[in-house]
Protein backbone atom coordinates (compact mmCIF):
# COMPACT_ATOMS: atom_id res chain seq x y z
CA MET A 1 -27.24 27.27 4.11
CA LYS A 2 -27.81 28.37 7.69
CA ARG A 3 -27.05 24.87 9.01
CA TYR A 4 -23.81 24.69 7.03
CA ILE A 5 -22.63 28.01 8.46
CA LEU A 6 -23.49 26.90 12.00
CA LEU A 7 -21.72 23.55 11.49
CA VAL A 8 -18.57 25.28 10.23
CA LEU A 9 -18.55 27.67 13.22
CA VAL A 10 -18.99 24.83 15.74
CA LEU A 11 -16.32 22.60 14.17
CA PHE A 12 -13.94 25.55 13.92
CA THR A 13 -14.51 26.33 17.61
CA MET A 14 -13.95 22.71 18.68
CA TYR A 15 -10.73 22.48 16.69
CA SER A 16 -9.49 25.75 18.16
CA PHE A 17 -10.18 24.58 21.72
CA SER A 18 -8.08 21.48 21.09
CA GLN A 19 -4.95 23.56 20.56
CA LYS A 20 -2.70 23.95 23.60
CA ASP A 21 -2.47 27.30 25.30
CA ASN A 22 1.11 28.11 26.28
CA ASN A 23 0.53 31.80 26.98
CA ALA A 24 -1.14 31.78 30.40
CA VAL A 25 -1.13 34.98 32.40
CA ASN A 26 -2.41 35.84 35.83
CA ALA A 27 -6.20 35.82 35.91
CA LYS A 28 -7.90 39.07 36.84
CA GLY A 29 -11.39 40.51 37.04
CA LYS A 30 -13.13 43.87 37.31
CA PRO A 31 -16.69 44.91 38.25
CA HIS A 32 -18.40 47.73 36.38
CA PHE A 33 -21.70 49.58 36.20
CA LYS A 34 -23.44 52.20 34.07
CA VAL A 35 -26.57 54.24 34.86
CA PHE A 36 -28.79 56.44 32.63
CA TRP A 37 -30.93 58.99 34.49
CA ASN A 38 -32.93 61.95 33.16
CA TYR A 39 -35.50 64.64 33.74
CA HIS A 40 -37.67 65.76 30.82
CA TYR A 41 -40.33 68.39 30.25
CA ALA A 42 -42.90 69.05 27.54
CA GLU A 43 -46.22 70.85 27.28
CA GLY A 44 -49.41 69.36 25.92
CA ILE A 45 -48.58 65.66 26.36
CA GLN A 46 -49.36 63.09 29.01
CA GLN A 47 -46.68 62.84 31.70
CA GLY A 48 -45.03 65.95 30.29
CA SER A 49 -42.73 66.31 33.30
CA ALA A 50 -40.95 63.36 34.88
CA PHE A 51 -37.77 62.01 36.41
CA GLU A 52 -36.68 58.68 34.92
CA LEU A 53 -34.13 55.97 35.59
CA THR A 54 -34.12 54.44 32.13
CA ARG A 55 -31.23 52.00 32.43
CA ALA A 56 -28.83 50.51 34.96
CA TYR A 57 -26.17 48.03 33.86
CA LEU A 58 -24.29 45.90 36.39
CA GLY A 59 -21.49 43.66 35.23
CA TYR A 60 -18.24 41.87 35.77
CA LYS A 61 -15.37 41.14 33.39
CA TYR A 62 -12.85 38.38 33.97
CA LYS A 63 -9.70 37.44 32.09
CA PHE A 64 -8.70 33.84 32.61
CA ASP A 65 -5.53 34.03 30.50
CA GLU A 66 -4.32 35.58 27.26
CA ARG A 67 -6.87 33.70 25.20
CA PHE A 68 -9.97 33.28 27.36
CA SER A 69 -12.06 36.06 28.88
CA ALA A 70 -15.68 36.39 29.93
CA LYS A 71 -18.20 39.00 30.96
CA ILE A 72 -21.68 39.10 32.42
CA ILE A 73 -23.97 42.15 32.37
CA TYR A 74 -27.37 42.62 33.97
CA ASP A 75 -29.67 45.12 32.28
CA ILE A 76 -32.16 46.71 34.67
CA GLY A 77 -34.93 48.45 32.75
CA GLU A 78 -38.55 48.25 31.68
CA ASN A 79 -40.20 45.15 30.25
CA ASP A 80 -43.35 44.49 28.24
CA ALA A 81 -45.39 43.95 31.41
CA GLY A 82 -44.87 47.58 32.42
CA SER A 83 -42.26 47.30 35.17
CA ASN A 84 -39.54 49.94 34.90
CA HIS A 85 -36.95 48.10 36.96
CA THR A 86 -36.82 44.46 35.86
CA ALA A 87 -33.40 42.78 35.76
CA PHE A 88 -32.43 40.79 32.68
CA VAL A 89 -29.19 38.99 31.89
CA LYS A 90 -28.11 40.96 28.82
CA ILE A 91 -24.61 39.55 28.32
CA ALA A 92 -23.18 36.22 29.44
CA GLN A 93 -20.33 35.92 26.99
CA LEU A 94 -17.20 33.82 26.67
CA ASP A 95 -14.51 35.12 24.31
CA TYR A 96 -11.77 32.92 22.90
CA LYS A 97 -8.93 34.74 21.16
CA ILE A 98 -7.33 32.11 18.97
CA ASP A 99 -4.66 34.49 17.72
CA PRO A 100 -4.44 38.26 17.10
CA SER A 101 -6.63 37.94 14.00
CA VAL A 102 -9.44 35.57 15.10
CA LYS A 103 -11.81 35.76 18.08
CA ILE A 104 -14.82 33.56 18.88
CA SER A 105 -17.64 34.83 21.11
CA MET A 106 -20.35 32.50 22.39
CA GLY A 107 -23.27 32.52 24.81
CA LEU A 108 -25.49 35.54 25.28
CA ILE A 109 -23.41 37.92 23.20
CA GLY A 110 -23.50 41.56 22.12
CA GLY A 111 -24.89 42.17 18.65
CA LYS A 112 -22.93 43.49 15.68
CA GLN A 113 -25.84 45.24 13.99
CA TYR A 114 -25.45 48.79 15.33
CA LYS A 115 -22.77 48.71 18.04
CA ASP A 116 -20.19 50.46 15.84
CA GLN A 117 -22.70 53.19 14.99
CA GLU A 118 -23.55 53.54 18.69
CA ASN A 119 -19.87 53.99 19.59
CA HIS A 120 -19.49 56.62 16.89
CA TRP A 121 -22.66 58.48 17.96
CA GLY A 122 -21.33 58.47 21.53
CA TYR A 123 -24.53 59.54 23.33
CA ARG A 124 -26.37 56.30 24.01
CA TYR A 125 -27.45 57.59 27.43
CA ILE A 126 -29.36 60.34 25.62
CA TYR A 127 -30.94 58.38 22.76
CA LYS A 128 -30.75 54.93 21.15
CA MET A 129 -29.58 54.31 17.61
CA LEU A 130 -32.32 54.31 14.96
CA GLN A 131 -32.16 50.52 14.51
CA ASP A 132 -32.44 50.00 18.27
CA GLU A 133 -35.25 52.52 18.76
CA HIS A 134 -37.38 51.06 15.94
CA LYS A 135 -36.56 47.40 16.67
CA PHE A 136 -34.62 46.46 13.55
CA GLY A 137 -32.63 44.11 15.75
CA PRO A 138 -31.74 43.31 19.38
CA SER A 139 -28.63 44.66 21.09
CA ALA A 140 -27.75 41.14 22.38
CA ASP A 141 -28.79 37.58 21.60
CA LEU A 142 -27.93 33.94 22.23
CA GLY A 143 -25.54 32.48 19.68
CA ILE A 144 -22.01 32.44 18.35
CA ASN A 145 -19.90 35.00 16.48
CA VAL A 146 -16.52 34.68 14.82
CA GLU A 147 -14.58 37.88 14.22
CA PHE A 148 -11.78 37.93 11.64
CA LYS A 149 -9.16 40.61 11.16
CA ILE A 150 -8.77 40.13 7.44
CA SER A 151 -6.14 42.85 7.21
CA LYS A 152 -5.00 45.91 9.16
CA THR A 153 -7.99 47.83 7.76
CA ILE A 154 -10.74 45.19 7.31
CA ILE A 155 -12.66 43.31 10.03
CA GLY A 156 -15.33 40.72 9.28
CA ASN A 157 -17.92 38.96 11.44
CA LEU A 158 -19.98 35.81 10.84
CA PHE A 159 -22.71 34.90 13.30
CA VAL A 160 -25.64 32.58 14.03
CA LEU A 161 -28.15 33.75 16.66
CA ASN A 162 -31.52 32.69 18.03
CA GLY A 163 -32.99 35.90 16.64
CA GLU A 164 -35.38 36.78 19.50
CA GLY A 165 -33.07 38.96 21.57
CA TYR A 166 -31.90 38.67 25.17
CA LYS A 167 -35.34 39.21 26.76
CA ASN A 168 -37.03 36.38 24.86
CA LEU A 169 -36.77 32.61 24.58
CA GLN A 170 -36.17 30.84 21.28
CA ASP A 171 -39.49 30.50 19.39
CA ASP A 172 -41.19 27.18 18.64
CA ASP A 173 -39.97 27.19 15.01
CA GLY A 174 -36.35 27.01 16.13
CA ASN A 175 -35.13 29.21 13.29
CA GLN A 176 -31.93 31.20 13.70
CA ARG A 177 -30.77 34.57 12.46
CA VAL A 178 -27.68 34.27 10.24
CA GLY A 179 -25.60 37.22 9.14
CA MET A 180 -22.34 39.01 8.60
CA SER A 181 -20.72 42.42 8.86
CA LEU A 182 -17.71 43.94 7.16
CA ILE A 183 -15.91 46.97 8.60
CA TYR A 184 -13.39 48.84 6.47
CA ASN A 185 -11.24 51.44 8.21
CA LEU A 186 -10.03 53.47 5.26
CA THR A 187 -7.93 55.58 7.62
CA LYS A 188 -7.64 55.87 11.40
CA LYS A 189 -10.36 58.52 11.23
CA LEU A 190 -12.67 57.19 8.49
CA THR A 191 -14.74 54.00 8.97
CA THR A 192 -17.30 52.31 6.73
CA LYS A 193 -19.50 49.32 7.50
CA PHE A 194 -21.77 46.90 5.64
CA TYR A 195 -24.21 44.66 7.55
CA TYR A 196 -26.66 41.95 6.48
CA ASP A 197 -28.72 39.32 8.28
CA THR A 198 -31.63 37.04 7.41
CA TYR A 199 -34.16 35.32 9.65
CA ALA A 200 -36.26 32.48 8.21
CA SER A 201 -39.97 32.12 8.96
CA GLU A 202 -42.27 29.13 8.60
CA ASN A 203 -45.29 31.16 7.44
CA SER A 204 -43.82 34.06 5.49
CA LYS A 205 -40.78 35.24 3.59
CA SER A 206 -37.47 35.64 5.40
CA LEU A 207 -37.00 38.80 7.41
CA ASN A 208 -33.90 40.59 6.10
CA ASN A 209 -31.82 43.47 7.48
CA LEU A 210 -29.45 45.56 5.38
CA ALA A 211 -27.37 48.49 6.65
CA PHE A 212 -24.63 50.84 5.48
CA PHE A 213 -22.65 53.20 7.72
CA ALA A 214 -19.87 55.73 7.23
CA GLY A 215 -18.28 57.84 9.95
CA TYR A 216 -15.42 60.28 10.30
CA LYS A 217 -13.92 61.18 13.68
CA ALA A 218 -11.36 63.96 13.89
CA ASP A 219 -9.65 65.37 16.99
CA THR A 220 -12.40 67.85 17.86
CA TRP A 221 -15.39 66.87 15.68
CA SER A 222 -17.15 63.87 14.17
CA ILE A 223 -19.87 63.09 11.63
CA GLY A 224 -21.72 59.90 10.78
CA ALA A 225 -24.42 58.71 8.39
CA GLU A 226 -26.28 55.43 8.02
CA TYR A 227 -28.99 53.81 5.91
CA ASN A 228 -31.01 50.88 7.24
CA LYS A 229 -33.65 48.63 5.68
CA MET A 230 -35.76 45.84 7.16
CA GLU A 231 -37.77 43.66 4.77
CA ASN A 232 -40.81 41.49 5.54
CA GLY A 233 -41.17 42.44 9.18
CA ILE A 234 -42.69 45.01 11.51
CA ASN A 235 -39.88 44.36 14.02
CA TYR A 236 -37.03 41.88 14.34
CA LYS A 237 -39.29 39.27 16.00
CA THR A 238 -42.39 39.58 13.79
CA THR A 239 -42.23 38.59 10.12
CA ILE A 240 -44.99 39.79 7.77
CA ASP A 241 -44.68 39.61 3.99
CA GLY A 242 -44.26 42.92 2.19
CA HIS A 243 -43.95 45.09 5.31
CA ASN A 244 -40.71 47.07 4.99
CA LEU A 245 -39.06 49.78 7.08
CA ASP A 246 -36.44 52.27 5.87
CA GLY A 247 -34.41 54.49 8.15
CA ILE A 248 -31.72 57.11 7.65
CA SER A 249 -29.71 58.81 10.36
CA PHE A 250 -27.17 61.65 10.36
CA TYR A 251 -25.26 62.79 13.44
CA GLY A 252 -22.32 64.92 14.39
CA SER A 253 -20.53 66.60 17.30
CA TYR A 254 -17.99 69.30 18.00
CA GLY A 255 -15.80 69.52 21.10
CA PHE A 256 -14.65 72.90 22.39
CA ASN A 257 -12.31 71.19 24.84
CA ASN A 258 -12.07 67.84 26.65
CA LYS A 259 -15.15 68.64 28.75
CA ILE A 260 -17.71 70.47 26.58
CA GLU A 261 -19.26 69.18 23.35
CA ILE A 262 -22.26 70.13 21.23
CA PHE A 263 -24.06 67.55 19.12
CA ALA A 264 -26.94 67.15 16.68
CA ARG A 265 -28.80 64.29 15.03
CA PHE A 266 -31.48 63.76 12.39
CA ASP A 267 -33.43 60.50 11.95
CA GLU A 268 -36.14 59.63 9.46
CA ILE A 269 -38.20 56.45 9.58
CA SER A 270 -40.60 55.43 6.78
CA SER A 271 -42.61 52.39 5.71
CA ASN A 272 -44.07 51.22 2.41
CA THR A 273 -47.70 51.48 1.32
CA LEU A 274 -49.41 48.13 0.87
CA THR A 275 -51.68 47.23 -2.04
CA ASN A 276 -55.13 48.89 -1.88
CA GLN A 277 -54.06 51.10 1.03
CA ASP A 278 -53.97 54.90 1.07
CA ASN A 279 -51.24 55.29 3.68
CA SER A 280 -48.09 53.47 4.66
CA TRP A 281 -48.56 50.58 7.11
CA ASN A 282 -46.57 52.40 9.82
CA TYR A 283 -48.29 55.72 9.06
CA ASN A 284 -48.89 56.71 12.68
CA LYS A 285 -45.22 56.26 13.61
CA ASP A 286 -43.42 57.35 10.43
CA GLY A 287 -41.68 60.72 10.61
CA ALA A 288 -38.50 62.59 11.46
CA LEU A 289 -36.57 63.12 14.69
CA LEU A 290 -34.31 66.09 15.42
CA ILE A 291 -31.96 66.31 18.43
CA PHE A 292 -29.72 69.20 19.53
CA GLY A 293 -27.73 69.34 22.74
CA ILE A 294 -24.66 70.12 24.77
CA GLU A 295 -22.68 67.74 26.96
CA TYR A 296 -20.47 68.51 29.95
CA ALA A 297 -18.05 65.82 31.17
CA VAL A 298 -17.82 66.62 34.86
CA SER A 299 -15.13 64.02 35.57
CA LYS A 300 -14.11 60.60 34.39
CA GLY A 301 -17.28 58.51 34.37
CA VAL A 302 -19.78 61.34 34.89
CA LYS A 303 -21.54 63.26 32.09
CA PHE A 304 -24.38 65.78 32.01
CA SER A 305 -26.36 66.93 28.99
CA ILE A 306 -29.10 69.43 28.22
CA ASN A 307 -30.80 68.68 24.91
CA THR A 308 -33.99 69.16 22.92
CA ARG A 309 -35.67 66.60 20.76
CA SER A 310 -38.67 66.87 18.45
CA PHE A 311 -40.52 64.31 16.36
CA ASN A 312 -42.55 65.40 13.35
CA TYR A 313 -45.14 62.83 12.24
CA ILE A 314 -46.10 62.47 8.58
CA ASN A 315 -49.67 61.95 9.83
CA ASP A 316 -50.92 65.51 10.26
CA ASP A 317 -53.65 64.33 12.64
CA ILE A 318 -50.99 63.49 15.27
CA GLU A 319 -49.53 66.43 17.16
CA ASP A 320 -45.75 66.71 16.81
CA MET A 321 -43.73 66.20 20.00
CA SER A 322 -41.11 68.56 21.38
CA LEU A 323 -39.28 67.86 24.65
CA ILE A 324 -36.45 69.27 26.76
CA TYR A 325 -34.19 66.75 28.51
CA PHE A 326 -31.57 66.85 31.22
CA ASN A 327 -29.62 63.58 30.95
CA THR A 328 -26.96 62.06 33.17
CA GLU A 329 -24.63 59.10 32.74
CA PHE A 330 -22.41 57.82 35.52
CA LYS A 331 -20.32 54.68 35.24
CA LEU A 332 -17.40 52.75 36.60
């Protein structure tokens, strides 16, 4: 099934490229950057006080004409070897807008798994989405995506990806992650989303991701809720039969004016208990996260936030964490 979907996407792309483009416009480009910086403090834990530069994104967007555009983004952050400032190519994406209702993206492209939730949450510089934090899926990957505007209120996506994420090469098995998303904007303020992907494995059952999201954004306040499930895997790269993760997340914000907002979020992550085991397989990491904070938009492109976050483990032998953060985002 995966091969048929990939074949259809490739043939569709080749046919679309063969059509003449009579709508050329002047080409133009724009550099951009984004930086996440923080100071945090907590008592009773290792490295309880520290300044951190957690992320720096450097990129460039270029519009060739009305149909073709491209972007490249470098992600400067930590890697598995322990370096905090390693540069990775996160996005190297070519977009082809066939018409107002169909767009093809190819190359190293941004993922569709939790980007809409991240935009609704609005505080990525403070904390990742639940699926990102607990490795349900990568934020970018090598592959191809076709986006369809089915109607004024419904947007669909079909994609085939390597499945390993932008920091990793394709594995020896050569299996791809295949999936789809469906976004239904009931009104201009109310959005719902369904997401599903599957990733085949040679030695175990397929790793599957399922997610539901609903969000409402008014003029001065917003709320959002999501449910996420990963089956047969301990993360998006490692498939193990019968190991499942469930996650729920609720978040909201209220703006007093165009500069000051307060926000809150609750996450809960849980795993199943395997046969002949007393505790869940992710027992030492299962628990609930609570975030409260205030944000001050100093000017266009600069934001400050003071917030608290606490994580309560279901394992009573692990001491719960509570931290105070001062976060900053500045971008062009």
